[in-house]
């Protein structure tokens, strides 16, 4: 039985988040074992963290649209500047 497109899309976003979290862990391990230097780790971690923030934002948008009776498929990836500008 096929899953609805909304469920597939959400699972794809969650899979990407999981992969990026694993990448973060691998970068920290590479720094610890001397495979990469601090500057490389920080640059790559920064890029990963920004992309992670965008994925989490997209997931929140999709869920909010669904709860509001709107089409979750209309959610879009917002720019890094927009997502990074949010405050808790």
N, C-alpha and C. Protein backbone atom coordinates (compact mmCIF):
# COMPACT_ATOMS: atom_id res chain seq x y z
N UNK A 1 0.84 -1.19 0.00
CA UNK A 1 0.00 0.00 0.00
C UNK A 1 0.88 1.25 0.00
N UNK A 2 0.62 2.15 -0.91
CA UNK A 2 1.41 3.37 -1.02
C UNK A 2 1.05 4.35 0.09
N UNK A 3 2.07 5.12 0.49
CA UNK A 3 1.84 6.16 1.49
C UNK A 3 1.44 7.44 0.78
N UNK A 4 0.66 8.26 1.45
CA UNK A 4 0.32 9.56 0.86
C UNK A 4 1.60 10.37 0.60
N UNK A 5 1.53 11.24 -0.41
CA UNK A 5 2.69 12.05 -0.76
C UNK A 5 3.18 12.89 0.42
N UNK A 6 2.25 13.39 1.25
CA UNK A 6 2.64 14.19 2.40
C UNK A 6 3.50 13.39 3.37
N UNK A 7 3.12 12.14 3.60
CA UNK A 7 3.89 11.28 4.50
C UNK A 7 5.25 10.98 3.92
N UNK A 8 5.31 10.70 2.62
CA UNK A 8 6.59 10.43 1.96
C UNK A 8 7.50 11.65 2.05
N UNK A 9 6.95 12.82 1.81
CA UNK A 9 7.75 14.05 1.86
C UNK A 9 8.29 14.28 3.26
N UNK A 10 7.45 14.07 4.27
CA UNK A 10 7.90 14.26 5.64
C UNK A 10 8.99 13.26 6.00
N UNK A 11 8.82 12.01 5.57
CA UNK A 11 9.84 11.00 5.83
C UNK A 11 11.15 11.34 5.14
N UNK A 12 11.08 11.90 3.95
CA UNK A 12 12.29 12.29 3.23
C UNK A 12 13.02 13.41 3.98
N UNK A 13 12.27 14.37 4.50
CA UNK A 13 12.88 15.45 5.27
C UNK A 13 13.53 14.89 6.54
N UNK A 14 12.81 14.02 7.23
CA UNK A 14 13.35 13.42 8.46
C UNK A 14 14.59 12.57 8.17
N UNK A 15 14.59 11.87 7.05
CA UNK A 15 15.77 11.07 6.67
C UNK A 15 16.96 11.97 6.41
N UNK A 16 16.73 13.11 5.76
CA UNK A 16 17.81 14.06 5.49
C UNK A 16 18.35 14.63 6.80
N UNK A 17 17.46 14.94 7.72
CA UNK A 17 17.89 15.45 9.03
C UNK A 17 18.75 14.41 9.74
N UNK A 18 18.31 13.17 9.73
CA UNK A 18 19.07 12.09 10.38
C UNK A 18 20.46 11.95 9.75
N UNK A 19 20.54 12.04 8.43
CA UNK A 19 21.83 11.93 7.74
C UNK A 19 22.75 13.09 8.13
N UNK A 20 22.19 14.29 8.23
CA UNK A 20 23.01 15.45 8.60
C UNK A 20 23.51 15.36 10.04
N UNK A 21 22.69 14.84 10.93
CA UNK A 21 23.11 14.65 12.32
C UNK A 21 24.27 13.65 12.36
N UNK A 22 24.18 12.59 11.56
CA UNK A 22 25.27 11.62 11.48
C UNK A 22 26.53 12.27 10.91
N UNK A 23 26.36 13.15 9.93
CA UNK A 23 27.51 13.88 9.36
C UNK A 23 28.17 14.76 10.41
N UNK A 24 27.36 15.42 11.24
CA UNK A 24 27.90 16.25 12.33
C UNK A 24 28.76 15.40 13.26
N UNK A 25 28.24 14.26 13.63
CA UNK A 25 28.97 13.36 14.53
C UNK A 25 30.28 12.92 13.88
N UNK A 26 30.23 12.57 12.61
CA UNK A 26 31.43 12.13 11.90
C UNK A 26 32.47 13.25 11.85
N UNK A 27 32.03 14.48 11.63
CA UNK A 27 32.97 15.61 11.60
C UNK A 27 33.66 15.78 12.95
N UNK A 28 32.91 15.66 14.01
CA UNK A 28 33.50 15.80 15.35
C UNK A 28 34.50 14.68 15.61
N UNK A 29 34.18 13.47 15.15
CA UNK A 29 35.11 12.35 15.30
C UNK A 29 36.37 12.56 14.47
N UNK A 30 36.21 13.10 13.27
CA UNK A 30 37.37 13.38 12.41
C UNK A 30 38.28 14.42 13.05
N UNK A 31 37.69 15.41 13.69
CA UNK A 31 38.49 16.41 14.39
C UNK A 31 39.25 15.77 15.54
N UNK A 32 38.57 14.93 16.29
CA UNK A 32 39.18 14.27 17.43
C UNK A 32 40.35 13.38 17.02
N UNK A 33 40.19 12.66 15.90
CA UNK A 33 41.27 11.76 15.48
C UNK A 33 42.31 12.43 14.58
N UNK A 34 42.16 13.74 14.36
CA UNK A 34 43.14 14.49 13.60
C UNK A 34 43.01 14.42 12.10
N UNK A 35 41.92 13.85 11.60
CA UNK A 35 41.72 13.75 10.15
C UNK A 35 41.44 15.10 9.51
N UNK A 36 40.86 16.01 10.28
CA UNK A 36 40.59 17.37 9.78
C UNK A 36 41.00 18.37 10.84
N UNK A 37 41.22 19.60 10.41
CA UNK A 37 41.59 20.65 11.37
C UNK A 37 40.33 21.39 11.85
N UNK A 38 40.52 22.23 12.83
CA UNK A 38 39.40 22.94 13.45
C UNK A 38 38.68 23.83 12.43
N UNK A 39 39.43 24.51 11.59
CA UNK A 39 38.81 25.41 10.61
C UNK A 39 37.90 24.65 9.65
N UNK A 40 38.37 23.49 9.20
CA UNK A 40 37.57 22.66 8.29
C UNK A 40 36.32 22.17 9.00
N UNK A 41 36.49 21.70 10.22
CA UNK A 41 35.34 21.20 10.99
C UNK A 41 34.31 22.30 11.19
N UNK A 42 34.77 23.49 11.58
CA UNK A 42 33.86 24.59 11.86
C UNK A 42 33.11 25.03 10.60
N UNK A 43 33.82 25.09 9.48
CA UNK A 43 33.18 25.50 8.22
C UNK A 43 32.11 24.49 7.81
N UNK A 44 32.46 23.22 7.88
CA UNK A 44 31.51 22.18 7.47
C UNK A 44 30.35 22.07 8.46
N UNK A 45 30.64 22.20 9.75
CA UNK A 45 29.57 22.17 10.75
C UNK A 45 28.61 23.35 10.56
N UNK A 46 29.16 24.51 10.27
CA UNK A 46 28.32 25.68 10.06
C UNK A 46 27.35 25.47 8.91
N UNK A 47 27.85 24.93 7.81
CA UNK A 47 27.00 24.67 6.65
C UNK A 47 25.93 23.64 6.99
N UNK A 48 26.32 22.59 7.70
CA UNK A 48 25.36 21.56 8.10
C UNK A 48 24.29 22.13 9.02
N UNK A 49 24.70 22.93 9.98
CA UNK A 49 23.74 23.49 10.93
C UNK A 49 22.73 24.40 10.24
N UNK A 50 23.20 25.18 9.26
CA UNK A 50 22.26 26.05 8.53
C UNK A 50 21.27 25.21 7.72
N UNK A 51 21.76 24.16 7.08
CA UNK A 51 20.86 23.30 6.31
C UNK A 51 19.89 22.56 7.24
N UNK A 52 20.38 22.13 8.39
CA UNK A 52 19.51 21.48 9.38
C UNK A 52 18.40 22.43 9.81
N UNK A 53 18.75 23.66 10.09
CA UNK A 53 17.74 24.65 10.49
C UNK A 53 16.68 24.81 9.40
N UNK A 54 17.12 24.82 8.15
CA UNK A 54 16.17 24.94 7.04
C UNK A 54 15.25 23.72 6.97
N UNK A 55 15.81 22.54 7.18
CA UNK A 55 14.98 21.32 7.14
C UNK A 55 13.96 21.31 8.27
N UNK A 56 14.40 21.67 9.48
CA UNK A 56 13.47 21.71 10.61
C UNK A 56 12.38 22.76 10.36
N UNK A 57 12.76 23.90 9.79
CA UNK A 57 11.78 24.94 9.48
C UNK A 57 10.76 24.43 8.47
N UNK A 58 11.23 23.75 7.43
CA UNK A 58 10.33 23.21 6.41
C UNK A 58 9.38 22.19 7.03
N UNK A 59 9.89 21.34 7.90
CA UNK A 59 9.05 20.35 8.56
C UNK A 59 7.98 21.03 9.42
N UNK A 60 8.38 22.06 10.17
CA UNK A 60 7.40 22.81 10.98
C UNK A 60 6.35 23.48 10.11
N UNK A 61 6.78 24.06 9.00
CA UNK A 61 5.83 24.69 8.07
C UNK A 61 4.81 23.67 7.56
N UNK A 62 5.31 22.51 7.13
CA UNK A 62 4.44 21.47 6.57
C UNK A 62 3.41 21.03 7.61
N UNK A 63 3.87 20.81 8.83
CA UNK A 63 2.96 20.35 9.89
C UNK A 63 1.94 21.43 10.23
N UNK A 64 2.37 22.67 10.30
CA UNK A 64 1.45 23.77 10.60
C UNK A 64 0.40 23.92 9.51
N UNK A 65 0.81 23.81 8.27
CA UNK A 65 -0.15 23.91 7.16
C UNK A 65 -1.16 22.76 7.23
N UNK A 66 -0.68 21.56 7.52
CA UNK A 66 -1.58 20.42 7.63
C UNK A 66 -2.59 20.60 8.75
N UNK A 67 -2.12 21.09 9.90
CA UNK A 67 -3.01 21.32 11.04
C UNK A 67 -4.03 22.42 10.75
N UNK A 68 -3.67 23.35 9.88
CA UNK A 68 -4.56 24.46 9.54
C UNK A 68 -5.47 24.11 8.36
N UNK A 69 -5.40 22.87 7.90
CA UNK A 69 -6.24 22.44 6.79
C UNK A 69 -5.73 22.89 5.43
N UNK A 70 -4.49 23.36 5.40
CA UNK A 70 -3.88 23.79 4.14
C UNK A 70 -3.04 22.65 3.57
N UNK A 71 -2.58 22.82 2.36
CA UNK A 71 -1.76 21.82 1.67
C UNK A 71 -0.31 21.90 2.17
N UNK A 72 0.18 20.87 2.86
CA UNK A 72 1.57 20.88 3.32
C UNK A 72 2.57 20.99 2.18
N UNK A 73 2.16 20.54 1.00
CA UNK A 73 3.03 20.61 -0.16
C UNK A 73 3.34 22.03 -0.61
N UNK A 74 2.60 23.00 -0.08
CA UNK A 74 2.84 24.39 -0.43
C UNK A 74 3.94 25.03 0.44
N UNK A 75 4.43 24.29 1.43
CA UNK A 75 5.53 24.80 2.25
C UNK A 75 6.78 24.87 1.39
N UNK A 76 7.60 25.87 1.64
CA UNK A 76 8.82 26.04 0.86
C UNK A 76 10.03 26.20 1.77
N UNK A 77 11.19 25.85 1.23
CA UNK A 77 12.43 26.05 1.97
C UNK A 77 12.70 27.55 1.99
N UNK A 78 12.85 28.07 3.19
CA UNK A 78 13.14 29.50 3.33
C UNK A 78 14.65 29.72 3.33
N UNK A 79 15.06 30.91 3.00
CA UNK A 79 16.48 31.23 2.91
C UNK A 79 17.17 31.06 4.26
N UNK A 80 18.49 30.86 4.20
CA UNK A 80 19.27 30.77 5.43
C UNK A 80 19.11 32.04 6.26
N UNK A 81 19.09 33.18 5.59
CA UNK A 81 18.97 34.46 6.30
C UNK A 81 17.66 34.51 7.08
N UNK A 82 16.58 34.07 6.46
CA UNK A 82 15.28 34.07 7.12
C UNK A 82 15.28 33.12 8.31
N UNK A 83 15.71 31.89 8.07
CA UNK A 83 15.67 30.87 9.12
C UNK A 83 16.62 31.21 10.25
N UNK A 84 17.81 31.70 9.93
CA UNK A 84 18.79 32.02 10.96
C UNK A 84 18.40 33.27 11.74
N UNK A 85 17.47 34.06 11.21
CA UNK A 85 17.02 35.27 11.89
C UNK A 85 15.99 35.03 12.97
N UNK A 86 15.49 33.79 13.07
CA UNK A 86 14.49 33.50 14.09
C UNK A 86 15.12 33.50 15.46
N UNK A 87 14.35 33.90 16.45
CA UNK A 87 14.81 33.84 17.83
C UNK A 87 13.88 32.92 18.60
N UNK A 88 14.40 32.34 19.64
CA UNK A 88 13.61 31.40 20.44
C UNK A 88 12.56 32.09 21.25
